[in-house]
Protein backbone atom coordinates (compact mmCIF):
# COMPACT_ATOMS: atom_id res chain seq x y z
CA UNK A 1 12.41 26.64 10.91
CA UNK A 2 10.76 23.57 10.89
CA UNK A 3 9.28 22.11 14.53
CA UNK A 4 11.69 19.67 15.86
CA UNK A 5 14.53 22.93 15.58
CA UNK A 6 11.94 25.11 17.20
CA UNK A 7 11.32 23.00 19.94
CA UNK A 8 15.63 22.22 20.19
CA UNK A 9 15.67 25.90 20.50
CA UNK A 10 13.53 26.59 23.12
CA UNK A 11 14.92 23.75 25.67
CA UNK A 12 18.93 24.36 24.54
CA UNK A 13 19.20 20.86 23.94
CA UNK A 14 22.25 19.68 21.02
CA UNK A 15 21.03 16.89 19.01
CA UNK A 16 22.70 14.30 20.83
CA UNK A 17 22.02 10.54 21.09
CA UNK A 18 19.82 10.15 23.83
CA UNK A 19 16.62 12.80 23.16
CA UNK A 20 17.04 11.50 19.02
CA UNK A 21 14.01 9.23 19.60
CA UNK A 22 11.62 11.93 21.54
CA UNK A 23 12.61 14.48 18.55
CA UNK A 24 11.62 11.92 15.85
CA UNK A 25 8.48 11.27 18.11
CA UNK A 26 8.00 14.84 17.84
CA UNK A 27 7.86 15.12 13.90
CA UNK A 28 6.73 11.89 13.26
CA UNK A 29 3.17 13.76 15.54
CA UNK A 30 4.25 16.87 13.47
CA UNK A 31 3.72 14.48 10.15
CA UNK A 32 0.49 12.39 11.50
CA UNK A 33 -1.20 15.67 12.24
CA UNK A 34 -0.38 16.89 8.63
CA UNK A 35 -1.65 13.92 7.21
CA UNK A 36 -4.65 14.14 8.90
CA UNK A 37 -5.18 16.76 8.77
CA UNK A 38 -5.18 17.27 4.21
CA UNK A 39 -8.12 15.00 3.97
CA UNK A 40 -10.27 16.23 6.97
CA UNK A 41 -9.73 19.00 6.13
CA UNK A 42 -11.11 18.50 2.12
CA UNK A 43 -13.75 16.25 3.84
CA UNK A 44 -14.84 19.69 5.80
CA UNK A 45 -14.93 21.46 2.82
CA UNK A 46 -15.91 20.14 0.28
CA UNK A 47 -19.01 18.94 2.91
CA UNK A 48 -19.81 22.75 2.77
CA UNK A 49 -20.07 22.53 -0.83
CA UNK A 50 -22.46 19.64 -1.44
CA UNK A 51 -24.59 21.82 1.16
CA UNK A 52 -24.43 24.75 -1.28
CA UNK A 53 -27.63 25.32 -3.57
CA UNK A 54 -25.80 27.25 -5.59
CA UNK A 55 -23.76 24.90 -7.17
CA UNK A 56 -24.36 22.71 -10.32
CA UNK A 57 -25.44 19.24 -9.70
CA UNK A 58 -22.41 18.35 -12.14
CA UNK A 59 -20.20 20.64 -9.46
CA UNK A 60 -21.66 18.77 -6.57
CA UNK A 61 -20.77 15.40 -8.23
CA UNK A 62 -17.25 16.00 -9.01
CA UNK A 63 -17.17 17.43 -5.01
CA UNK A 64 -18.38 13.73 -4.24
CA UNK A 65 -16.24 11.87 -5.76
CA UNK A 66 -13.73 14.22 -4.08
CA UNK A 67 -14.94 13.69 -1.22
CA UNK A 68 -14.65 10.18 -1.37
CA UNK A 69 -10.78 10.24 -1.84
CA UNK A 70 -10.36 11.95 1.23
CA UNK A 71 -12.08 9.34 2.75
CA UNK A 72 -10.73 6.86 1.36
CA UNK A 73 -7.37 8.64 2.46
CA UNK A 74 -8.36 9.55 5.83
CA UNK A 75 -9.20 5.38 6.73
CA UNK A 76 -6.05 3.89 4.93
CA UNK A 77 -4.19 6.11 7.19
CA UNK A 78 -5.56 5.23 10.15
CA UNK A 79 -5.67 1.60 9.34
CA UNK A 80 -1.56 1.24 9.06
CA UNK A 81 -1.26 3.51 12.27
CA UNK A 82 -3.75 0.62 14.05
CA UNK A 83 -1.83 -2.27 12.18
CA UNK A 84 1.98 -0.42 12.98
CA UNK A 85 1.16 -0.28 16.71
CA UNK A 86 -0.17 -3.52 17.06
CA UNK A 87 2.91 -5.23 14.85
CA UNK A 88 5.37 -2.96 17.56
CA UNK A 89 2.74 -4.80 20.22
CA UNK A 90 3.15 -8.49 19.33
CA UNK A 91 -0.69 -8.42 18.16
CA UNK A 92 -0.45 -9.44 14.41
CA UNK A 93 -2.01 -12.99 14.41
CA UNK A 94 -1.62 -14.76 10.44
CA UNK A 95 -4.75 -17.07 9.58
CA UNK A 96 -4.41 -20.19 8.23
CA UNK A 97 -7.29 -20.19 5.55
CA UNK A 98 -8.78 -22.17 1.87
CA UNK A 99 -9.07 -19.43 -0.58
CA UNK A 100 -8.58 -18.81 -4.20
CA UNK A 101 -5.17 -16.41 -5.12
CA UNK A 102 -6.71 -15.42 -8.25
CA UNK A 103 -10.13 -14.16 -7.04
CA UNK A 104 -7.93 -12.51 -3.81
CA UNK A 105 -5.70 -10.29 -6.66
CA UNK A 106 -8.81 -9.59 -8.71
CA UNK A 107 -10.74 -8.46 -5.37
CA UNK A 108 -7.48 -6.18 -4.80
CA UNK A 109 -7.56 -4.78 -8.90
CA UNK A 110 -11.59 -3.60 -8.13
CA UNK A 111 -10.97 -1.86 -5.20
CA UNK A 112 -7.85 0.27 -7.18
CA UNK A 113 -9.33 0.20 -10.79
CA UNK A 114 -11.23 3.47 -10.07
CA UNK A 115 -8.21 5.41 -9.02
CA UNK A 116 -6.23 3.85 -12.04
CA UNK A 117 -9.12 5.08 -14.45
CA UNK A 118 -9.26 8.76 -13.15
CA UNK A 119 -5.52 8.80 -13.82
CA UNK A 120 -5.89 7.15 -17.52
CA UNK A 121 -3.39 4.18 -16.67
CA UNK A 122 -3.91 1.07 -18.17
CA UNK A 123 -4.52 -1.69 -15.06
CA UNK A 124 -3.10 -5.31 -15.94
CA UNK A 125 -2.97 -8.90 -13.62
CA UNK A 126 -1.33 -11.80 -15.67
CA UNK A 127 -1.39 -15.57 -14.23
CA UNK A 128 1.12 -17.93 -14.63
CA UNK A 129 -0.42 -20.71 -17.29
CA UNK A 130 -1.27 -23.55 -14.84
CA UNK A 131 -1.37 -21.74 -11.59
CA UNK A 132 -2.70 -23.49 -8.94
CA UNK A 133 -5.96 -21.48 -8.24
CA UNK A 134 -6.58 -22.50 -4.30
CA UNK A 135 -4.00 -21.82 -1.35
CA UNK A 136 -3.64 -21.64 2.08
CA UNK A 137 -2.70 -18.61 3.70
CA UNK A 138 -4.13 -15.44 5.07
CA UNK A 139 -5.54 -13.44 2.69
CA UNK A 140 -6.53 -10.69 4.28
CA UNK A 141 -3.35 -9.74 4.79
CA UNK A 142 -2.37 -10.97 1.10
CA UNK A 143 -4.38 -8.75 -0.52
CA UNK A 144 -3.29 -6.30 2.17
CA UNK A 145 0.07 -5.84 1.16
CA UNK A 146 -1.42 -6.19 -2.81
CA UNK A 147 -3.46 -3.24 -2.12
CA UNK A 148 -0.38 -1.29 -0.67
CA UNK A 149 1.55 -2.06 -3.60
CA UNK A 150 -0.75 -1.47 -5.86
CA UNK A 151 -2.00 2.24 -4.87
CA UNK A 152 1.79 3.23 -3.95
CA UNK A 153 2.28 2.26 -7.99
CA UNK A 154 -0.94 4.30 -9.02
CA UNK A 155 -0.06 7.09 -6.83
CA UNK A 156 3.75 7.59 -8.19
CA UNK A 157 2.41 6.55 -11.99
CA UNK A 158 0.98 9.59 -13.68
CA UNK A 159 1.39 7.80 -17.59
CA UNK A 160 1.70 4.35 -18.79
CA UNK A 161 0.97 1.51 -17.20
CA UNK A 162 0.30 -0.93 -13.36
CA UNK A 163 1.26 -4.36 -13.81
CA UNK A 164 0.51 -7.24 -12.23
CA UNK A 165 2.00 -10.81 -12.04
CA UNK A 166 1.35 -13.85 -10.50
CA UNK A 167 3.18 -17.51 -10.41
CA UNK A 168 4.48 -19.87 -8.46
CA UNK A 169 7.51 -22.23 -8.10
CA UNK A 170 8.48 -25.42 -6.18
CA UNK A 171 10.34 -26.18 -2.93
CA UNK A 172 11.36 -28.58 -1.37
CA UNK A 173 10.25 -28.33 1.70
CA UNK A 174 6.70 -28.79 0.07
CA UNK A 175 6.05 -25.56 0.32
CA UNK A 176 5.64 -23.48 -3.29
CA UNK A 177 6.92 -20.11 -3.07
CA UNK A 178 4.02 -17.63 -5.01
CA UNK A 179 6.04 -14.64 -6.41
CA UNK A 180 4.05 -11.52 -7.44
CA UNK A 181 5.08 -8.64 -9.06
CA UNK A 182 4.08 -5.17 -9.19
CA UNK A 183 5.13 -3.24 -12.12
CA UNK A 184 4.82 0.75 -13.07
CA UNK A 185 5.58 2.93 -15.31
CA UNK A 186 6.04 5.43 -12.58
CA UNK A 187 8.28 8.54 -11.26
CA UNK A 188 11.39 5.72 -9.93
CA UNK A 189 13.05 5.74 -6.73
CA UNK A 190 16.91 7.13 -7.09
CA UNK A 191 19.06 4.24 -6.06
CA UNK A 192 20.23 5.87 -2.61
CA UNK A 193 17.61 5.71 -1.51
CA UNK A 194 16.16 2.25 -2.03
CA UNK A 195 17.79 1.85 1.32
CA UNK A 196 15.01 3.12 3.80
CA UNK A 197 11.96 3.12 1.60
CA UNK A 198 10.97 0.18 3.44
CA UNK A 199 11.50 2.54 7.19
CA UNK A 200 8.86 3.47 9.01
CA UNK A 201 7.28 6.86 8.18
CA UNK A 202 10.19 7.79 5.46
CA UNK A 203 9.58 8.61 1.73
CA UNK A 204 12.64 8.54 -0.59
CA UNK A 205 12.94 12.11 -0.75
CA UNK A 206 11.32 15.46 1.20
CA UNK A 207 9.80 16.37 -2.18
CA UNK A 208 7.78 13.29 -2.66
CA UNK A 209 6.14 13.39 0.57
CA UNK A 210 5.24 16.65 0.22
CA UNK A 211 3.92 16.47 -3.78
CA UNK A 212 2.18 13.10 -3.15
CA UNK A 213 1.55 12.53 0.17
CA UNK A 214 1.72 9.88 2.64
CA UNK A 215 3.58 8.67 5.62
CA UNK A 216 5.53 6.40 4.36
CA UNK A 217 3.70 3.56 6.65
CA UNK A 218 2.12 1.44 3.65
CA UNK A 219 5.41 -0.09 2.31
CA UNK A 220 6.62 -0.95 5.54
CA UNK A 221 3.44 -2.86 6.83
CA UNK A 222 3.98 -5.05 3.86
CA UNK A 223 6.93 -5.57 4.25
CA UNK A 224 6.54 -6.86 7.87
CA UNK A 225 3.78 -8.92 7.11
CA UNK A 226 5.46 -10.25 4.43
CA UNK A 227 8.42 -11.20 6.85
CA UNK A 228 5.74 -12.33 9.40
CA UNK A 229 4.30 -15.59 6.73
CA UNK A 230 7.84 -16.32 5.97
CA UNK A 231 8.13 -14.16 2.82
CA UNK A 232 9.35 -11.11 1.52
CA UNK A 233 9.33 -8.00 -0.44
CA UNK A 234 12.05 -6.83 -2.86
CA UNK A 235 12.94 -3.51 -4.78
CA UNK A 236 14.07 -2.69 -8.29
CA UNK A 237 13.69 0.59 -9.51
CA UNK A 238 14.75 3.04 -12.39
CA UNK A 239 14.70 6.44 -12.18
CA UNK A 240 11.44 7.90 -14.68
CA UNK A 241 11.80 4.40 -15.82
CA UNK A 242 9.99 3.17 -13.37
CA UNK A 243 9.65 -0.07 -10.53
CA UNK A 244 9.42 -3.45 -9.73
CA UNK A 245 7.83 -4.68 -6.00
CA UNK A 246 8.51 -8.80 -6.67
CA UNK A 247 6.67 -10.15 -3.01
CA UNK A 248 7.47 -13.79 -2.82
CA UNK A 249 5.73 -16.06 0.06
CA UNK A 250 5.47 -19.69 0.86
CA UNK A 251 2.21 -21.36 1.12
CA UNK A 252 0.99 -24.67 0.28
CA UNK A 253 -1.74 -25.89 -1.49
CA UNK A 254 -4.57 -26.54 -0.25
CA UNK A 255 -5.28 -29.83 0.09
CA UNK A 256 -8.27 -31.24 -2.00
CA UNK A 257 -10.43 -32.29 0.76
CA UNK A 258 -10.13 -28.25 2.07
CA UNK A 259 -11.65 -27.67 -0.88
CA UNK A 260 -15.84 -26.53 -0.20
CA UNK A 261 -16.67 -25.49 -3.71
CA UNK A 262 -15.72 -25.79 -7.09
CA UNK A 263 -13.90 -22.20 -7.21
CA UNK A 264 -11.59 -22.55 -10.82
CA UNK A 265 -13.49 -19.88 -12.41
CA UNK A 266 -11.80 -16.62 -12.44
CA UNK A 267 -13.99 -13.72 -12.38
CA UNK A 268 -12.74 -12.62 -15.93
CA UNK A 269 -8.95 -11.76 -14.32
CA UNK A 270 -7.81 -9.68 -16.97
CA UNK A 271 -4.94 -11.36 -19.10
């Protein structure tokens, strides 16, 4: 019997509509407590192991890596919860600054590279020939979208690869349509679940949450950020084959007089 069922039983309440949001809040609170507790318990336990002189240096290195991963998980969860609260309050403000798109992609790839390497996955980035380098937009939020999509792709892929493709198409309104596609060879998503994966606090099915963790906030936040930038995220997926997450954002090329330095080098971006 889960927490919500017990609460309903104690209160003698039937699951009628006026109480639905209250039960959803209780369910959300229970889920968040569980999600925070999982990495926090690992951090506490691993800290004790690192302080114990009986363990070998190799064992302590392994514990330190797990400690790092647990801390990253906890930090990511807290950031998603904070962003979700800001969005609900209408407090997200977007920047409009000059940035180098290949550099931005490279930064995101570097951040997730260790996780991909630990799982033996091939991490790839591909840029369309002749892709313009300098754009006007919010690089912090665009990188956040990329990190959410890449992290999810790596999380749900046991073998094979995670690849990112970037191209641009000119629109008639003076904006270019930037298209960033993240492709994985992971577990895929059932067709019946595709319509709800961008909902807050939802997973494709409960078993996914139990096995892989997560609150379901990352995709919801990513799509909301894309919408704030007048773009969108759509998904195509096949069970046991993989998924394609496609981000489209209307961006303007940076005028030449705004480019403060030569940023033509792509920092060894993977081909």
